[in-house]
């Protein structure tokens, strides 16, 4: 694996930092002196550049300290203030975000459980805990605090000297690295104060500038991370290095998960705060296969709420732990401030979408679906995304019929389970088929099932679909154009295991809607996820053909109920 710097670093020079960022950095010296004084240090040991071995990348900015940083500011608060002060464009480009302390503590709790630590009792670290994208050090604070509490009666000199072999942060941003050393160093000031001054040495370096994706000889006992998020343009060599986990575009956080697994020792654990998209999307299927084969999922906790973890990103988030040793079950919980138990489900062993219920009521559906022999694609159907991207064809969209124009169907046109014309889209109801390829690419002239690609969070259903019947097509002059916010399901064989009308009815059941929520926590429903929907055997599918309404709802629910659970 090559050295690959993926996140834009903050400039080494003071002059390129924002005024707010420089004011925060200028406050560190006074903040450190206050913290050091509180534990009984004095004289030159109040100077952060004396008592801390790590030095700032350049001289500290010469500005008045900001009132936002004071004696009551915690180390976590200091890191948050720094990251929040960075320009939004830089945070977005580099995928920088700060981990809330509640989630940092929860992630360490999951990591220590994976390591077999005793609950409710502080334990010394027995190996290296590394954060390969440490930012301002939030994730390393909980393990360091636990270790310091457990080793409170150890010789303070030896305790400080041993820390670099137990705690390590890595980041590309030199100011973030220095802040990590400050944040972690502040946690050890009371230990430094216990050492007689003649034998006192600066607090050792615990974070360093470097590439978090690099393959390392010193494997970590625990890798913990909240890595950068976002798509990345890779050079040929870097893509080749990560080819085993990449499909299509590369997302930085997926590469960090793969590198973290490679850099964690056998018997160790990897704990990640990441978007849930890696559990279901097509772009991550190679990563899922690699993890399933080398470092399977051990526990999963879905984070309640979508905002506040990734800067500028509306994304379902999870805390996930992985271990080299496969267990039988994955414990699924929800982090809502408290930890709510959801279910224990089979460990995912494929590169397909992982079935992970978000709510306890969906646990039986996920368990039954995990054992099913078919998918929608194997049953003879294939989903594709509507080809019309309307803002690329604005000049060809019209409100009225005309020569060589075809009706456009939009996502809003399938609400209520029946294809109709939503008046809000009537101003762009017809597409002029002006491009030579339109007849083959844009036009749909056969019955199909249409499914919304994106649903609003407040909608009751995730799977919103309708059957496009031949009768409906005839009313649209025998052809339509499907806009990009709809998926189109068409048969791949003349004898699919479910007929068109039955498929539409099955997709409209509550059970299938709940099943989709076990596959994806996103409001988006991708064609890949639709193709991957687990289905029972052919005989069961055939038995659904003559069923409608409540009878079909009951039959589908029974099929997705494990036999041992049936009444």
Protein backbone atom coordinates (compact mmCIF):
# COMPACT_ATOMS: atom_id res chain seq x y z
CA UNK A 1 0.00 0.00 0.00
CA UNK A 2 1.53 3.30 -1.04
CA UNK A 3 1.79 6.48 0.97
CA UNK A 4 -1.20 8.52 -0.10
CA UNK A 5 -2.11 11.85 1.43
CA UNK A 6 -5.85 12.16 0.97
CA UNK A 7 -6.86 15.18 3.04
CA UNK A 8 -5.82 18.72 2.40
CA UNK A 9 -3.56 19.93 5.17
CA UNK A 10 -3.94 23.27 6.86
CA UNK A 11 -1.17 25.58 5.81
CA UNK A 12 1.95 25.45 7.91
CA UNK A 13 2.11 29.23 7.98
CA UNK A 14 0.29 31.47 10.40
CA UNK A 15 -0.63 33.88 7.61
CA UNK A 16 -3.01 31.49 5.82
CA UNK A 17 -5.09 30.63 8.90
CA UNK A 18 -8.37 32.44 9.47
CA UNK A 19 -8.48 35.10 12.15
CA UNK A 20 -10.76 32.92 14.26
CA UNK A 21 -8.45 29.91 13.97
CA UNK A 22 -5.39 31.99 14.81
CA UNK A 23 -7.17 33.45 17.86
CA UNK A 24 -7.94 29.95 19.13
CA UNK A 25 -4.36 28.80 18.61
CA UNK A 26 -3.13 31.97 20.32
CA UNK A 27 -5.23 31.00 23.35
CA UNK A 28 -3.58 27.60 23.82
CA UNK A 29 -0.56 28.85 25.79
CA UNK A 30 -2.70 30.61 28.41
CA UNK A 31 -5.18 27.71 28.54
CA UNK A 32 -2.32 25.24 29.09
CA UNK A 33 -0.83 27.41 31.83
CA UNK A 34 -4.19 27.46 33.63
CA UNK A 35 -4.51 23.67 33.41
CA UNK A 36 -0.91 23.12 34.55
CA UNK A 37 -1.29 25.50 37.48
CA UNK A 38 -4.42 23.68 38.68
CA UNK A 39 -2.43 20.44 39.18
CA UNK A 40 0.41 22.16 41.04
CA UNK A 41 2.92 22.87 38.28
CA UNK A 42 4.72 26.20 38.26
CA UNK A 43 7.53 28.18 36.67
CA UNK A 44 8.70 27.04 33.24
CA UNK A 45 6.41 23.99 33.41
CA UNK A 46 3.47 26.31 32.79
CA UNK A 47 4.83 26.91 29.27
CA UNK A 48 3.28 24.50 26.75
CA UNK A 49 6.48 24.62 24.68
CA UNK A 50 8.50 23.40 27.67
CA UNK A 51 6.23 20.87 29.32
CA UNK A 52 5.07 19.33 26.02
CA UNK A 53 7.61 17.68 23.72
CA UNK A 54 5.47 18.27 20.64
CA UNK A 55 6.02 21.71 19.17
CA UNK A 56 3.69 23.79 16.99
CA UNK A 57 4.48 23.71 13.24
CA UNK A 58 5.31 27.43 13.38
CA UNK A 59 5.35 30.02 16.12
CA UNK A 60 2.04 30.46 17.87
CA UNK A 61 0.00 33.32 16.38
CA UNK A 62 0.50 36.70 18.02
CA UNK A 63 -3.08 37.67 18.75
CA UNK A 64 -5.17 38.37 21.78
CA UNK A 65 -6.64 35.09 23.10
CA UNK A 66 -10.28 34.50 22.23
CA UNK A 67 -12.76 34.64 25.14
CA UNK A 68 -14.19 31.36 23.79
CA UNK A 69 -11.20 29.59 25.38
CA UNK A 70 -11.04 29.86 29.15
CA UNK A 71 -10.21 27.98 32.32
CA UNK A 72 -13.43 25.96 32.08
CA UNK A 73 -12.75 24.86 28.49
CA UNK A 74 -12.27 21.10 28.38
CA UNK A 75 -9.71 19.43 26.11
CA UNK A 76 -12.59 18.18 23.94
CA UNK A 77 -13.99 21.71 23.73
CA UNK A 78 -10.62 23.03 22.58
CA UNK A 79 -10.47 20.52 19.74
CA UNK A 80 -14.03 21.28 18.72
CA UNK A 81 -13.36 25.03 18.68
CA UNK A 82 -10.35 24.51 16.42
CA UNK A 83 -12.12 22.29 13.88
CA UNK A 84 -15.22 24.51 13.91
CA UNK A 85 -13.09 27.56 13.20
CA UNK A 86 -11.73 26.16 9.95
CA UNK A 87 -13.31 27.52 6.76
CA UNK A 88 -16.30 25.50 5.60
CA UNK A 89 -14.72 24.97 2.20
CA UNK A 90 -11.62 23.42 3.76
CA UNK A 91 -13.67 21.23 6.08
CA UNK A 92 -15.77 20.02 3.17
CA UNK A 93 -12.85 19.46 0.80
CA UNK A 94 -10.76 17.62 3.37
CA UNK A 95 -13.72 15.81 4.92
CA UNK A 96 -12.86 17.23 8.36
CA UNK A 97 -15.30 16.86 11.22
CA UNK A 98 -15.03 16.69 15.00
CA UNK A 99 -16.42 13.81 17.02
CA UNK A 100 -18.87 14.76 19.80
CA UNK A 101 -17.54 13.55 23.15
CA UNK A 102 -20.59 11.35 23.74
CA UNK A 103 -19.91 9.43 20.53
CA UNK A 104 -16.17 9.29 21.24
CA UNK A 105 -16.89 7.65 24.60
CA UNK A 106 -19.43 5.27 23.06
CA UNK A 107 -16.99 4.23 20.32
CA UNK A 108 -14.27 3.46 22.87
CA UNK A 109 -16.79 1.52 24.94
CA UNK A 110 -17.57 -0.64 21.90
CA UNK A 111 -13.84 -1.08 21.15
CA UNK A 112 -13.04 -2.17 24.71
CA UNK A 113 -15.95 -4.63 24.63
CA UNK A 114 -14.49 -6.06 21.44
CA UNK A 115 -11.15 -6.41 23.22
CA UNK A 116 -12.81 -8.29 26.05
CA UNK A 117 -12.30 -5.62 28.69
CA UNK A 118 -14.37 -6.03 31.85
CA UNK A 119 -17.37 -3.73 31.90
CA UNK A 120 -17.44 -1.17 34.67
CA UNK A 121 -13.78 -1.57 35.62
CA UNK A 122 -10.88 0.51 34.31
CA UNK A 123 -8.16 -1.51 32.63
CA UNK A 124 -4.65 -0.71 31.45
CA UNK A 125 -4.06 -0.68 27.73
CA UNK A 126 -2.19 -3.80 26.67
CA UNK A 127 -1.21 -2.59 23.24
CA UNK A 128 -1.30 0.36 20.86
CA UNK A 129 -4.49 2.32 20.29
CA UNK A 130 -4.17 4.27 17.04
CA UNK A 131 -6.38 6.85 15.35
CA UNK A 132 -5.16 7.18 11.72
CA UNK A 133 -7.21 10.35 11.13
CA UNK A 134 -6.99 11.90 14.58
CA UNK A 135 -8.10 15.45 13.82
CA UNK A 136 -7.86 17.16 17.20
CA UNK A 137 -7.67 13.93 19.20
CA UNK A 138 -11.24 13.41 20.43
CA UNK A 139 -11.27 9.62 19.96
CA UNK A 140 -7.99 9.08 21.81
CA UNK A 141 -9.12 10.90 24.96
CA UNK A 142 -11.38 8.11 26.36
CA UNK A 143 -8.79 5.28 26.08
CA UNK A 144 -6.05 7.53 27.48
CA UNK A 145 -8.23 8.54 30.42
CA UNK A 146 -9.09 4.94 31.22
CA UNK A 147 -5.46 3.88 31.09
CA UNK A 148 -4.39 6.75 33.35
CA UNK A 149 -7.08 5.88 35.89
CA UNK A 150 -6.14 2.19 35.85
CA UNK A 151 -2.43 3.01 36.24
CA UNK A 152 -2.89 5.77 38.79
CA UNK A 153 -0.54 4.11 41.29
CA UNK A 154 2.24 3.33 38.79
CA UNK A 155 5.53 5.18 38.82
CA UNK A 156 4.65 8.49 37.09
CA UNK A 157 7.92 8.69 35.15
CA UNK A 158 7.51 5.20 33.72
CA UNK A 159 3.81 5.85 33.07
CA UNK A 160 4.52 8.89 30.90
CA UNK A 161 7.40 7.22 29.07
CA UNK A 162 5.20 4.25 28.15
CA UNK A 163 2.41 6.29 26.58
CA UNK A 164 3.82 6.54 23.02
CA UNK A 165 3.65 2.74 22.77
CA UNK A 166 -0.01 2.82 23.84
CA UNK A 167 -1.56 5.94 22.25
CA UNK A 168 -0.89 7.21 18.73
CA UNK A 169 -2.61 9.78 16.56
CA UNK A 170 -1.85 10.34 12.87
CA UNK A 171 -3.05 13.19 10.66
CA UNK A 172 -1.96 15.18 7.63
CA UNK A 173 -2.75 18.57 9.20
CA UNK A 174 0.23 19.75 11.32
CA UNK A 175 -1.89 22.08 13.43
CA UNK A 176 -4.38 19.27 14.11
CA UNK A 177 -1.49 17.04 15.14
CA UNK A 178 -0.18 19.65 17.53
CA UNK A 179 -3.66 20.23 18.98
CA UNK A 180 -3.98 16.48 19.49
CA UNK A 181 -0.74 16.50 21.45
CA UNK A 182 -2.02 19.46 23.48
CA UNK A 183 -5.40 17.81 24.16
CA UNK A 184 -3.84 14.48 25.15
CA UNK A 185 -1.00 16.14 27.02
CA UNK A 186 -3.43 18.13 29.13
CA UNK A 187 -4.87 14.81 30.33
CA UNK A 188 -1.45 13.82 31.69
CA UNK A 189 -0.51 17.06 33.44
CA UNK A 190 -1.42 15.61 36.85
CA UNK A 191 1.03 12.76 36.21
CA UNK A 192 3.76 15.20 35.23
CA UNK A 193 3.17 17.11 38.44
CA UNK A 194 3.85 13.96 40.50
CA UNK A 195 7.42 13.71 39.17
CA UNK A 196 10.05 15.64 41.17
CA UNK A 197 11.26 18.58 39.12
CA UNK A 198 14.90 17.41 38.80
CA UNK A 199 13.68 14.21 37.08
CA UNK A 200 10.83 15.78 35.17
CA UNK A 201 10.81 15.48 31.36
CA UNK A 202 8.39 16.94 28.81
CA UNK A 203 5.22 14.98 28.09
CA UNK A 204 6.08 12.73 25.13
CA UNK A 205 4.76 13.09 21.58
CA UNK A 206 1.56 11.08 21.10
CA UNK A 207 0.51 12.28 17.64
CA UNK A 208 2.48 12.76 14.46
CA UNK A 209 2.04 14.03 10.92
CA UNK A 210 1.67 11.20 8.46
CA UNK A 211 -0.52 9.28 6.05
CA UNK A 212 -3.22 7.34 7.85
CA UNK A 213 -3.63 5.03 4.85
CA UNK A 214 -0.03 3.82 4.81
CA UNK A 215 0.63 0.16 5.59
CA UNK A 216 2.46 -0.06 8.91
CA UNK A 217 4.76 -2.64 10.47
CA UNK A 218 3.56 -1.81 13.99
CA UNK A 219 0.01 -3.11 13.97
CA UNK A 220 -2.39 -1.60 16.48
CA UNK A 221 -4.26 -3.56 19.10
CA UNK A 222 -7.16 -1.17 18.53
CA UNK A 223 -7.72 1.13 15.57
CA UNK A 224 -10.33 3.80 16.25
CA UNK A 225 -11.37 6.41 13.73
CA UNK A 226 -13.81 9.00 12.47
CA UNK A 227 -12.14 9.27 9.06
CA UNK A 228 -12.50 11.91 6.37
CA UNK A 229 -15.64 11.62 4.27
CA UNK A 230 -15.96 12.35 0.56
CA UNK A 231 -15.12 11.25 -2.95
CA UNK A 232 -11.51 11.25 -4.05
CA UNK A 233 -9.71 11.38 -7.38
CA UNK A 234 -6.95 8.77 -7.22
CA UNK A 235 -3.76 8.45 -9.17
CA UNK A 236 -3.25 5.16 -10.99
CA UNK A 237 -0.87 3.69 -8.40
CA UNK A 238 -3.12 4.53 -5.48
CA UNK A 239 -6.13 2.99 -7.24
CA UNK A 240 -4.09 -0.13 -7.92
CA UNK A 241 -3.08 -0.33 -4.24
CA UNK A 242 -6.72 -0.23 -3.15
CA UNK A 243 -8.20 -2.14 -6.11
CA UNK A 244 -9.28 -4.98 -3.81
CA UNK A 245 -11.78 -2.68 -2.04
CA UNK A 246 -12.70 -0.12 -4.72
CA UNK A 247 -15.52 -0.18 -7.26
CA UNK A 248 -16.31 2.94 -9.24
CA UNK A 249 -15.50 6.18 -7.46
CA UNK A 250 -13.38 6.09 -4.32
CA UNK A 251 -14.66 7.42 -1.01
CA UNK A 252 -11.98 8.34 1.51
CA UNK A 253 -13.70 6.79 4.46
CA UNK A 254 -13.98 3.38 2.79
CA UNK A 255 -10.26 3.41 2.09
CA UNK A 256 -9.57 4.26 5.75
CA UNK A 257 -11.70 1.30 6.86
CA UNK A 258 -9.73 -1.02 4.56
CA UNK A 259 -6.37 0.38 5.69
CA UNK A 260 -7.45 0.24 9.34
CA UNK A 261 -8.26 -3.45 9.02
CA UNK A 262 -4.84 -4.10 7.46
CA UNK A 263 -3.11 -2.14 10.23
CA UNK A 264 -4.83 -3.90 13.14
CA UNK A 265 -3.14 -6.93 14.68
CA UNK A 266 -4.71 -10.36 14.94
CA UNK A 267 -6.84 -10.45 18.06
CA UNK A 268 -7.33 -6.69 17.84
CA UNK A 269 -10.38 -4.60 17.08
CA UNK A 270 -11.22 -1.77 14.69
CA UNK A 271 -13.87 0.74 15.76
CA UNK A 272 -15.21 3.30 13.28
CA UNK A 273 -17.63 6.21 13.31
CA UNK A 274 -18.68 6.28 9.66
CA UNK A 275 -21.68 6.74 7.35
CA UNK A 276 -23.78 3.60 6.94
CA UNK A 277 -23.54 3.72 3.14
CA UNK A 278 -20.72 1.16 3.20
CA UNK A 279 -23.18 -1.50 4.43
CA UNK A 280 -25.38 -1.46 1.33
CA UNK A 281 -24.19 0.58 -1.67
CA UNK A 282 -22.81 -0.98 -4.85
CA UNK A 283 -19.66 1.15 -4.65
CA UNK A 284 -18.71 -0.57 -1.39
CA UNK A 285 -19.40 -4.19 -2.32
CA UNK A 286 -15.70 -5.03 -2.66
CA UNK A 287 -15.01 -3.48 0.75
CA UNK A 288 -17.82 -5.53 2.32
CA UNK A 289 -16.43 -8.70 0.75
CA UNK A 290 -12.92 -7.90 1.99
CA UNK A 291 -14.12 -7.22 5.52
CA UNK A 292 -16.35 -10.30 5.61
CA UNK A 293 -13.36 -12.44 4.64
CA UNK A 294 -10.68 -10.81 6.79
CA UNK A 295 -12.15 -8.73 9.64
CA UNK A 296 -15.89 -9.37 10.01
CA UNK A 297 -18.39 -7.02 11.58
CA UNK A 298 -18.58 -7.52 15.36
CA UNK A 299 -21.06 -4.89 16.57
CA UNK A 300 -23.10 -2.07 15.07
CA UNK A 301 -24.72 0.93 16.72
CA UNK A 302 -26.82 3.30 14.64
CA UNK A 303 -26.54 6.95 15.65
CA UNK A 304 -29.87 8.62 16.20
CA UNK A 305 -30.23 11.67 13.95
CA UNK A 306 -28.33 12.51 10.77
CA UNK A 307 -26.84 15.96 11.34
CA UNK A 308 -23.95 17.11 13.50
CA UNK A 309 -21.38 14.39 12.91
CA UNK A 310 -20.16 15.06 9.38
CA UNK A 311 -19.79 18.72 8.48
CA UNK A 312 -22.30 19.66 5.81
CA UNK A 313 -23.36 16.05 5.24
CA UNK A 314 -26.89 14.71 5.67
CA UNK A 315 -26.07 11.05 6.22
CA UNK A 316 -27.09 8.20 8.48
CA UNK A 317 -24.17 7.44 10.77
CA UNK A 318 -23.10 4.36 12.69
CA UNK A 319 -20.53 3.13 15.17
CA UNK A 320 -19.14 -0.17 13.90
CA UNK A 321 -16.56 -2.54 15.33
CA UNK A 322 -14.73 -5.30 13.47
CA UNK A 323 -12.63 -8.24 14.68
CA UNK A 324 -10.41 -10.75 12.89
CA UNK A 325 -12.07 -13.58 14.81
CA UNK A 326 -15.59 -14.17 13.49
CA UNK A 327 -18.39 -14.44 16.04
CA UNK A 328 -21.82 -15.97 15.39
CA UNK A 329 -23.85 -12.84 15.89
CA UNK A 330 -23.58 -9.08 15.46
CA UNK A 331 -25.02 -7.07 18.33
CA UNK A 332 -27.07 -4.21 16.88
CA UNK A 333 -27.93 -1.21 19.05
CA UNK A 334 -29.01 2.40 18.68
CA UNK A 335 -27.09 5.27 20.26
CA UNK A 336 -29.68 7.82 21.34
CA UNK A 337 -27.90 9.30 24.33
CA UNK A 338 -28.60 5.96 25.92
CA UNK A 339 -27.78 2.64 24.27
CA UNK A 340 -30.92 0.88 23.12
CA UNK A 341 -30.72 -2.82 22.25
CA UNK A 342 -32.13 -3.71 18.83
CA UNK A 343 -31.19 -7.28 17.97
CA UNK A 344 -28.49 -9.88 17.52
CA UNK A 345 -28.28 -10.86 13.84
CA UNK A 346 -26.08 -13.24 11.86
CA UNK A 347 -22.63 -11.91 10.95
CA UNK A 348 -22.68 -10.70 7.31
CA UNK A 349 -20.57 -13.04 5.18
CA UNK A 350 -21.12 -11.70 1.65
CA UNK A 351 -20.33 -8.62 -0.40
CA UNK A 352 -24.04 -7.96 -0.93
CA UNK A 353 -26.00 -5.46 1.18
CA UNK A 354 -25.81 -6.30 4.88
CA UNK A 355 -29.16 -6.85 6.59
CA UNK A 356 -29.03 -4.79 9.79
CA UNK A 357 -32.31 -3.80 11.47
CA UNK A 358 -32.55 -0.25 12.77
CA UNK A 359 -35.47 -1.12 15.06
CA UNK A 360 -36.22 -4.15 17.22
CA UNK A 361 -39.47 -4.83 15.35
CA UNK A 362 -37.48 -5.51 12.18
CA UNK A 363 -35.11 -8.08 13.69
CA UNK A 364 -37.16 -11.10 12.66
CA UNK A 365 -37.51 -9.79 9.10
CA UNK A 366 -33.74 -9.34 8.80
CA UNK A 367 -33.05 -12.78 10.30
CA UNK A 368 -35.45 -14.53 7.90
CA UNK A 369 -34.27 -12.55 4.89
CA UNK A 370 -30.62 -13.41 5.61
CA UNK A 371 -31.41 -17.08 4.93
CA UNK A 372 -33.48 -16.62 1.77
CA UNK A 373 -32.28 -18.29 -1.45
CA UNK A 374 -33.26 -15.63 -3.98
CA UNK A 375 -32.94 -11.95 -4.69
CA UNK A 376 -35.19 -9.87 -6.90
CA UNK A 377 -32.53 -10.02 -9.61
CA UNK A 378 -32.29 -13.81 -9.38
CA UNK A 379 -36.08 -13.95 -9.63
CA UNK A 380 -35.86 -12.43 -13.12
CA UNK A 381 -36.11 -8.68 -12.55
CA UNK A 382 -33.64 -5.83 -12.88
CA UNK A 383 -33.87 -2.24 -11.69
CA UNK A 384 -32.34 0.69 -13.53
CA UNK A 385 -32.34 4.41 -12.88
CA UNK A 386 -34.55 6.66 -14.96
CA UNK A 387 -32.40 8.11 -17.77
CA UNK A 388 -33.73 11.68 -17.87
CA UNK A 389 -31.63 14.15 -15.86
CA UNK A 390 -33.97 17.07 -16.32
CA UNK A 391 -31.54 19.94 -15.74
CA UNK A 392 -29.40 18.65 -18.62
CA UNK A 393 -32.39 18.80 -20.98
CA UNK A 394 -34.14 21.97 -19.81
CA UNK A 395 -34.61 23.34 -23.31
CA UNK A 396 -36.33 20.11 -24.38
CA UNK A 397 -38.93 20.09 -21.60
CA UNK A 398 -42.40 21.46 -22.37
CA UNK A 399 -45.83 21.80 -20.80
CA UNK A 400 -47.84 20.68 -23.83
CA UNK A 401 -47.95 17.89 -26.36
CA UNK A 402 -46.14 18.37 -29.61
CA UNK A 403 -44.57 16.58 -32.48
CA UNK A 404 -41.95 14.06 -31.35
CA UNK A 405 -42.66 14.71 -27.67
CA UNK A 406 -43.18 12.02 -25.03
CA UNK A 407 -44.78 12.20 -21.59
CA UNK A 408 -42.31 12.48 -18.74
CA UNK A 409 -43.04 10.56 -15.52
CA UNK A 410 -41.59 12.03 -12.31
CA UNK A 411 -41.17 10.66 -8.80
CA UNK A 412 -44.28 12.49 -7.63
CA UNK A 413 -46.31 10.66 -10.28
CA UNK A 414 -46.22 7.32 -8.41
CA UNK A 415 -47.53 8.49 -5.03
CA UNK A 416 -50.49 6.47 -3.82
CA UNK A 417 -49.52 3.28 -5.61
CA UNK A 418 -50.97 4.32 -8.98
CA UNK A 419 -49.25 6.09 -11.88
CA UNK A 420 -50.80 9.52 -12.33
CA UNK A 421 -49.86 13.05 -13.35
CA UNK A 422 -48.85 15.26 -10.44
CA UNK A 423 -49.87 18.81 -11.36
CA UNK A 424 -46.70 20.24 -9.83
CA UNK A 425 -44.75 18.73 -12.75
CA UNK A 426 -47.07 19.75 -15.58
CA UNK A 427 -44.81 22.61 -16.64
CA UNK A 428 -42.19 20.02 -17.62
CA UNK A 429 -44.51 17.19 -18.62
CA UNK A 430 -43.19 16.49 -22.15
CA UNK A 431 -39.70 15.83 -23.47
CA UNK A 432 -38.81 16.72 -27.02
CA UNK A 433 -36.99 13.65 -28.37
CA UNK A 434 -34.39 15.72 -30.18
CA UNK A 435 -31.30 13.58 -29.56
CA UNK A 436 -30.75 10.67 -32.00
CA UNK A 437 -30.32 8.20 -29.13
CA UNK A 438 -33.53 9.25 -27.35
CA UNK A 439 -35.65 6.54 -28.98
CA UNK A 440 -33.45 3.80 -27.53
CA UNK A 441 -32.18 5.47 -24.34
CA UNK A 442 -35.03 7.67 -23.12
CA UNK A 443 -38.20 5.92 -24.27
CA UNK A 444 -39.96 3.25 -22.23
CA UNK A 445 -42.67 1.53 -24.28
CA UNK A 446 -43.43 -1.55 -22.19
CA UNK A 447 -45.11 -2.15 -18.82
CA UNK A 448 -42.84 -1.86 -15.80
CA UNK A 449 -42.79 -1.19 -12.05
CA UNK A 450 -41.71 2.31 -11.07
CA UNK A 451 -40.10 2.99 -7.67
CA UNK A 452 -39.15 6.35 -6.20
CA UNK A 453 -35.38 6.73 -5.82
CA UNK A 454 -35.61 9.33 -3.06
CA UNK A 455 -38.24 9.63 -0.37
CA UNK A 456 -38.72 12.46 2.08
CA UNK A 457 -37.74 11.68 5.72
CA UNK A 458 -41.30 12.42 6.84
CA UNK A 459 -42.84 9.87 4.45
CA UNK A 460 -44.26 6.75 6.06
CA UNK A 461 -42.88 4.47 3.36
CA UNK A 462 -39.38 3.89 2.04
CA UNK A 463 -40.55 1.82 -0.97
CA UNK A 464 -42.98 3.99 -2.93
CA UNK A 465 -43.94 2.27 -6.16
CA UNK A 466 -46.64 1.77 -8.78
CA UNK A 467 -47.27 -0.51 -11.72
CA UNK A 468 -47.01 1.11 -15.13
CA UNK A 469 -49.65 -0.96 -16.89
CA UNK A 470 -50.23 -1.30 -20.61
CA UNK A 471 -53.47 0.61 -20.13
CA UNK A 472 -51.57 3.51 -18.57
CA UNK A 473 -49.02 3.40 -21.38
CA UNK A 474 -51.79 3.56 -23.97
CA UNK A 475 -53.11 6.72 -22.30
CA UNK A 476 -49.62 8.21 -22.76
CA UNK A 477 -49.57 7.33 -26.47
CA UNK A 478 -47.68 4.10 -25.83
CA UNK A 479 -44.41 5.57 -24.58
CA UNK A 480 -43.04 7.53 -21.65
CA UNK A 481 -39.75 9.00 -20.45
CA UNK A 482 -38.69 8.18 -16.88
CA UNK A 483 -37.02 10.96 -14.90
CA UNK A 484 -33.89 10.26 -12.84
CA UNK A 485 -35.70 10.21 -9.48
CA UNK A 486 -37.47 6.99 -10.41
CA UNK A 487 -36.16 3.45 -10.71
CA UNK A 488 -37.57 1.19 -13.43
CA UNK A 489 -38.06 -2.54 -12.82
CA UNK A 490 -38.23 -4.69 -15.97
CA UNK A 491 -38.06 -8.46 -16.46
CA UNK A 492 -34.80 -10.02 -17.62
CA UNK A 493 -36.55 -13.20 -18.78
CA UNK A 494 -39.84 -14.10 -20.42
CA UNK A 495 -40.78 -16.14 -17.36
CA UNK A 496 -39.82 -14.23 -14.19
CA UNK A 497 -40.72 -15.89 -10.89
CA UNK A 498 -43.09 -13.02 -10.09
CA UNK A 499 -45.45 -11.44 -12.61
CA UNK A 500 -45.39 -7.67 -13.10
CA UNK A 501 -48.62 -6.96 -11.24
CA UNK A 502 -47.78 -9.31 -8.37
CA UNK A 503 -44.32 -7.77 -8.03
CA UNK A 504 -45.87 -4.31 -7.71
CA UNK A 505 -48.28 -5.55 -5.03
CA UNK A 506 -45.51 -7.33 -3.10
CA UNK A 507 -43.31 -4.22 -3.11
CA UNK A 508 -46.22 -2.25 -1.69
CA UNK A 509 -46.50 -4.47 1.42
CA UNK A 510 -45.40 -3.24 4.82
CA UNK A 511 -43.01 -6.16 5.21
CA UNK A 512 -40.98 -5.27 2.13
CA UNK A 513 -40.91 -1.65 3.22
CA UNK A 514 -39.46 -2.71 6.60
CA UNK A 515 -37.01 -5.02 4.84
CA UNK A 516 -35.68 -2.13 2.75
CA UNK A 517 -35.04 -0.21 5.98
CA UNK A 518 -32.83 -3.09 7.13
CA UNK A 519 -30.78 -2.71 3.95
CA UNK A 520 -30.48 1.05 3.77
CA UNK A 521 -30.95 3.77 6.36
CA UNK A 522 -30.87 6.40 3.64
CA UNK A 523 -33.92 8.10 2.20
CA UNK A 524 -32.54 7.01 -1.18
CA UNK A 525 -33.50 3.66 -2.69
CA UNK A 526 -30.90 2.59 -5.25
CA UNK A 527 -31.41 0.20 -8.13
CA UNK A 528 -28.64 -1.99 -6.67
CA UNK A 529 -30.48 -2.30 -3.36
CA UNK A 530 -33.72 -3.14 -5.14
CA UNK A 531 -32.01 -5.87 -7.16
CA UNK A 532 -30.57 -7.25 -3.92
CA UNK A 533 -33.89 -7.56 -2.05
CA UNK A 534 -33.99 -11.08 -0.55
CA UNK A 535 -36.90 -13.27 -1.66
CA UNK A 536 -38.16 -16.71 -0.63
CA UNK A 537 -38.15 -19.75 -2.91
CA UNK A 538 -39.98 -20.04 -6.22
CA UNK A 539 -42.87 -22.03 -4.77
CA UNK A 540 -43.61 -19.30 -2.21
CA UNK A 541 -43.43 -16.60 -4.86
CA UNK A 542 -45.83 -18.55 -7.05
CA UNK A 543 -48.30 -18.84 -4.16
CA UNK A 544 -48.50 -15.04 -3.98
CA UNK A 545 -49.82 -14.65 -7.55
CA UNK A 546 -53.49 -15.08 -6.63
CA UNK A 547 -53.33 -13.00 -3.43
CA UNK A 548 -54.40 -9.40 -2.96
CA UNK A 549 -54.80 -6.91 -0.12
CA UNK A 550 -54.72 -8.28 3.43
CA UNK A 551 -54.26 -11.86 2.22
CA UNK A 552 -51.06 -10.93 0.41
CA UNK A 553 -49.86 -8.80 3.31
CA UNK A 554 -50.30 -11.75 5.66
CA UNK A 555 -48.56 -14.20 3.33
CA UNK A 556 -45.54 -11.93 2.80
CA UNK A 557 -45.26 -11.27 6.52
CA UNK A 558 -45.33 -15.00 7.23
CA UNK A 559 -42.57 -15.64 4.70
CA UNK A 560 -40.31 -13.14 6.47
CA UNK A 561 -41.02 -14.56 9.93
CA UNK A 562 -38.53 -17.22 11.12
CA UNK A 563 -40.30 -20.57 11.51
CA UNK A 564 -39.42 -20.81 15.19
CA UNK A 565 -41.21 -17.53 15.78
CA UNK A 566 -44.45 -18.30 13.97
CA UNK A 567 -47.60 -18.68 16.02
